[in-house]
Amino acid sequence: MSFKDFNDFPFGWADHEDIAIALYDKFGDDFGQDKIYRIRFTDLLDWILEIPQFTGTREQSTEEHLEQIQAKWVYEWRENQ
C-alpha cells in the first residue's frame, strides 16, 4: 500500500483529528477559531457527512463528537497559521 492510499482510507466518528483535517482542507483559513466555535452543530454535521472518506451516519453522531471535532479543527487551524 502506498502512502497516497492513506488519503482515501475511510474514517468514522471516533477519528476526530481526521475529520478536522478534512474540514480544514475544505475551508482553509475561511474559518478561524472564533468562527469555528460559532458554527451550528447542524451545519457542522452536514459538512462532516459530505466528506468523501467519512463512513459514519447522522444517527451515530453525538454532541461530544462534534465538540471534539471543533476543538481539533481549531488546533489544525492554529498549526497552519
N, C-alpha and C. Protein backbone atom coordinates (compact mmCIF):
# COMPACT_ATOMS: atom_id res chain seq x y z
N MET A 1 0.85 -1.17 0.00
CA MET A 1 0.00 0.00 0.00
C MET A 1 0.90 1.24 0.00
N SER A 2 0.64 2.14 -0.89
CA SER A 2 1.44 3.36 -0.95
C SER A 2 0.90 4.38 0.04
N PHE A 3 1.72 5.40 0.32
CA PHE A 3 1.30 6.45 1.24
C PHE A 3 0.06 7.17 0.71
N LYS A 4 -0.06 7.34 -0.59
CA LYS A 4 -1.21 8.02 -1.20
C LYS A 4 -2.51 7.31 -0.83
N ASP A 5 -2.47 5.99 -0.70
CA ASP A 5 -3.67 5.23 -0.37
C ASP A 5 -4.27 5.64 0.98
N PHE A 6 -3.43 6.16 1.88
CA PHE A 6 -3.93 6.56 3.19
C PHE A 6 -4.86 7.77 3.08
N ASN A 7 -4.73 8.58 2.04
CA ASN A 7 -5.61 9.73 1.86
C ASN A 7 -7.05 9.30 1.59
N ASP A 8 -7.23 8.10 1.08
CA ASP A 8 -8.56 7.61 0.77
C ASP A 8 -9.06 6.59 1.79
N PHE A 9 -8.33 6.45 2.89
CA PHE A 9 -8.69 5.49 3.92
C PHE A 9 -9.96 5.97 4.64
N PRO A 10 -10.95 5.12 4.80
CA PRO A 10 -12.20 5.55 5.44
C PRO A 10 -12.01 5.84 6.93
N PHE A 11 -12.80 6.75 7.46
CA PHE A 11 -12.77 7.04 8.89
C PHE A 11 -14.17 7.35 9.38
N GLY A 12 -14.37 7.23 10.69
CA GLY A 12 -15.69 7.42 11.28
C GLY A 12 -15.68 8.45 12.39
N TRP A 13 -16.71 8.42 13.23
CA TRP A 13 -16.90 9.43 14.26
C TRP A 13 -15.76 9.50 15.28
N ALA A 14 -15.12 8.41 15.57
CA ALA A 14 -14.05 8.42 16.57
C ALA A 14 -12.77 9.06 16.05
N ASP A 15 -12.70 9.31 14.76
CA ASP A 15 -11.50 9.86 14.14
C ASP A 15 -11.59 11.38 14.05
N HIS A 16 -11.67 12.03 15.21
CA HIS A 16 -11.87 13.47 15.30
C HIS A 16 -10.81 14.25 14.53
N GLU A 17 -9.56 13.86 14.68
CA GLU A 17 -8.48 14.60 14.02
C GLU A 17 -8.58 14.49 12.50
N ASP A 18 -8.87 13.30 11.99
CA ASP A 18 -9.02 13.13 10.54
C ASP A 18 -10.15 14.00 9.99
N ILE A 19 -11.24 14.06 10.73
CA ILE A 19 -12.37 14.88 10.31
C ILE A 19 -11.97 16.36 10.32
N ALA A 20 -11.29 16.77 11.38
CA ALA A 20 -10.86 18.18 11.49
C ALA A 20 -9.92 18.55 10.35
N ILE A 21 -9.01 17.67 10.02
CA ILE A 21 -8.08 17.94 8.91
C ILE A 21 -8.86 18.07 7.60
N ALA A 22 -9.83 17.19 7.39
CA ALA A 22 -10.64 17.26 6.17
C ALA A 22 -11.42 18.57 6.10
N LEU A 23 -11.94 19.03 7.24
CA LEU A 23 -12.66 20.29 7.26
C LEU A 23 -11.71 21.47 7.00
N TYR A 24 -10.53 21.41 7.60
CA TYR A 24 -9.56 22.48 7.35
C TYR A 24 -9.16 22.48 5.87
N ASP A 25 -8.95 21.29 5.31
CA ASP A 25 -8.60 21.22 3.89
C ASP A 25 -9.70 21.81 3.02
N LYS A 26 -10.94 21.61 3.42
CA LYS A 26 -12.07 22.12 2.64
C LYS A 26 -12.23 23.63 2.77
N PHE A 27 -12.12 24.15 4.00
CA PHE A 27 -12.42 25.56 4.24
C PHE A 27 -11.18 26.44 4.43
N GLY A 28 -10.03 25.86 4.69
CA GLY A 28 -8.81 26.63 4.86
C GLY A 28 -8.94 27.68 5.95
N ASP A 29 -8.42 28.86 5.66
CA ASP A 29 -8.41 29.94 6.64
C ASP A 29 -9.71 30.74 6.66
N ASP A 30 -10.72 30.30 5.93
CA ASP A 30 -12.02 30.99 5.95
C ASP A 30 -12.65 30.91 7.34
N PHE A 31 -12.29 29.89 8.09
CA PHE A 31 -12.83 29.71 9.43
C PHE A 31 -11.69 29.76 10.44
N GLY A 32 -11.69 30.82 11.26
CA GLY A 32 -10.74 30.93 12.36
C GLY A 32 -11.37 30.40 13.62
N GLN A 33 -10.64 30.50 14.72
CA GLN A 33 -11.10 29.95 15.99
C GLN A 33 -12.48 30.45 16.38
N ASP A 34 -12.69 31.76 16.36
CA ASP A 34 -13.99 32.30 16.77
C ASP A 34 -15.13 31.80 15.89
N LYS A 35 -14.88 31.74 14.61
CA LYS A 35 -15.92 31.31 13.68
C LYS A 35 -16.20 29.80 13.82
N ILE A 36 -15.17 29.01 14.04
CA ILE A 36 -15.34 27.56 14.20
C ILE A 36 -16.25 27.27 15.39
N TYR A 37 -16.03 27.97 16.51
CA TYR A 37 -16.82 27.70 17.70
C TYR A 37 -18.24 28.27 17.62
N ARG A 38 -18.54 29.07 16.60
CA ARG A 38 -19.90 29.59 16.42
C ARG A 38 -20.69 28.83 15.37
N ILE A 39 -20.09 27.81 14.78
CA ILE A 39 -20.80 27.01 13.78
C ILE A 39 -21.92 26.22 14.46
N ARG A 40 -23.08 26.25 13.85
CA ARG A 40 -24.19 25.44 14.38
C ARG A 40 -23.87 23.97 14.16
N PHE A 41 -24.20 23.15 15.12
CA PHE A 41 -23.93 21.73 15.00
C PHE A 41 -24.64 21.11 13.81
N THR A 42 -25.80 21.63 13.44
CA THR A 42 -26.50 21.07 12.28
C THR A 42 -25.67 21.29 11.01
N ASP A 43 -25.06 22.47 10.88
CA ASP A 43 -24.19 22.74 9.72
C ASP A 43 -22.94 21.88 9.77
N LEU A 44 -22.31 21.81 10.94
CA LEU A 44 -21.10 21.00 11.10
C LEU A 44 -21.38 19.54 10.74
N LEU A 45 -22.48 19.04 11.21
CA LEU A 45 -22.86 17.65 10.91
C LEU A 45 -23.02 17.43 9.41
N ASP A 46 -23.70 18.34 8.74
CA ASP A 46 -23.87 18.22 7.29
C ASP A 46 -22.53 18.23 6.56
N TRP A 47 -21.62 19.11 6.97
CA TRP A 47 -20.30 19.20 6.33
C TRP A 47 -19.51 17.92 6.53
N ILE A 48 -19.59 17.36 7.73
CA ILE A 48 -18.87 16.12 8.01
C ILE A 48 -19.40 14.98 7.14
N LEU A 49 -20.71 14.88 7.04
CA LEU A 49 -21.31 13.81 6.25
C LEU A 49 -20.98 13.92 4.77
N GLU A 50 -20.57 15.10 4.32
CA GLU A 50 -20.19 15.30 2.92
C GLU A 50 -18.74 14.90 2.62
N ILE A 51 -17.94 14.64 3.65
CA ILE A 51 -16.53 14.26 3.45
C ILE A 51 -16.51 12.88 2.77
N PRO A 52 -15.85 12.77 1.61
CA PRO A 52 -15.90 11.51 0.85
C PRO A 52 -15.44 10.27 1.62
N GLN A 53 -14.42 10.38 2.45
CA GLN A 53 -13.88 9.21 3.15
C GLN A 53 -14.65 8.88 4.44
N PHE A 54 -15.59 9.74 4.82
CA PHE A 54 -16.30 9.57 6.08
C PHE A 54 -17.36 8.48 5.96
N THR A 55 -17.34 7.54 6.91
CA THR A 55 -18.25 6.39 6.85
C THR A 55 -19.34 6.41 7.92
N GLY A 56 -19.31 7.40 8.82
CA GLY A 56 -20.30 7.46 9.88
C GLY A 56 -21.66 7.89 9.36
N THR A 57 -22.65 7.78 10.22
CA THR A 57 -24.00 8.20 9.86
C THR A 57 -24.47 9.31 10.80
N ARG A 58 -25.50 10.00 10.40
CA ARG A 58 -26.09 11.07 11.22
C ARG A 58 -26.54 10.50 12.57
N GLU A 59 -27.11 9.32 12.55
CA GLU A 59 -27.63 8.70 13.77
C GLU A 59 -26.52 8.34 14.77
N GLN A 60 -25.33 8.12 14.30
CA GLN A 60 -24.21 7.76 15.17
C GLN A 60 -23.55 8.98 15.81
N SER A 61 -23.88 10.16 15.36
CA SER A 61 -23.22 11.36 15.86
C SER A 61 -23.68 11.68 17.29
N THR A 62 -22.79 12.31 18.03
CA THR A 62 -23.13 12.79 19.37
C THR A 62 -22.60 14.20 19.53
N GLU A 63 -23.13 14.91 20.49
CA GLU A 63 -22.65 16.25 20.77
C GLU A 63 -21.17 16.23 21.14
N GLU A 64 -20.76 15.19 21.86
CA GLU A 64 -19.36 15.07 22.26
C GLU A 64 -18.44 14.94 21.04
N HIS A 65 -18.87 14.16 20.06
CA HIS A 65 -18.07 14.05 18.82
C HIS A 65 -17.91 15.41 18.17
N LEU A 66 -19.00 16.15 18.04
CA LEU A 66 -18.97 17.44 17.37
C LEU A 66 -18.10 18.44 18.14
N GLU A 67 -18.16 18.41 19.47
CA GLU A 67 -17.32 19.29 20.28
C GLU A 67 -15.84 18.96 20.08
N GLN A 68 -15.52 17.67 20.08
CA GLN A 68 -14.12 17.25 19.88
C GLN A 68 -13.63 17.64 18.49
N ILE A 69 -14.48 17.50 17.51
CA ILE A 69 -14.10 17.86 16.13
C ILE A 69 -13.84 19.36 16.05
N GLN A 70 -14.68 20.17 16.68
CA GLN A 70 -14.45 21.62 16.70
C GLN A 70 -13.09 21.93 17.33
N ALA A 71 -12.81 21.31 18.46
CA ALA A 71 -11.54 21.57 19.15
C ALA A 71 -10.35 21.16 18.28
N LYS A 72 -10.43 20.02 17.63
CA LYS A 72 -9.35 19.57 16.75
C LYS A 72 -9.21 20.47 15.53
N TRP A 73 -10.33 20.97 15.01
CA TRP A 73 -10.31 21.88 13.86
C TRP A 73 -9.60 23.17 14.24
N VAL A 74 -9.89 23.70 15.43
CA VAL A 74 -9.20 24.91 15.91
C VAL A 74 -7.71 24.63 16.02
N TYR A 75 -7.35 23.48 16.57
CA TYR A 75 -5.93 23.11 16.69
C TYR A 75 -5.28 23.06 15.30
N GLU A 76 -5.95 22.45 14.35
CA GLU A 76 -5.42 22.35 12.98
C GLU A 76 -5.26 23.75 12.37
N TRP A 77 -6.23 24.62 12.61
CA TRP A 77 -6.16 25.98 12.10
C TRP A 77 -4.95 26.71 12.70
N ARG A 78 -4.75 26.58 14.02
CA ARG A 78 -3.62 27.23 14.69
C ARG A 78 -2.29 26.72 14.15
N GLU A 79 -2.20 25.44 13.91
CA GLU A 79 -0.96 24.84 13.41
C GLU A 79 -0.58 25.37 12.03
N ASN A 80 -1.55 25.84 11.29
CA ASN A 80 -1.30 26.30 9.93
C ASN A 80 -1.18 27.82 9.81
N GLN A 81 -1.18 28.50 10.95
CA GLN A 81 -1.05 29.97 10.94
C GLN A 81 0.40 30.37 10.96
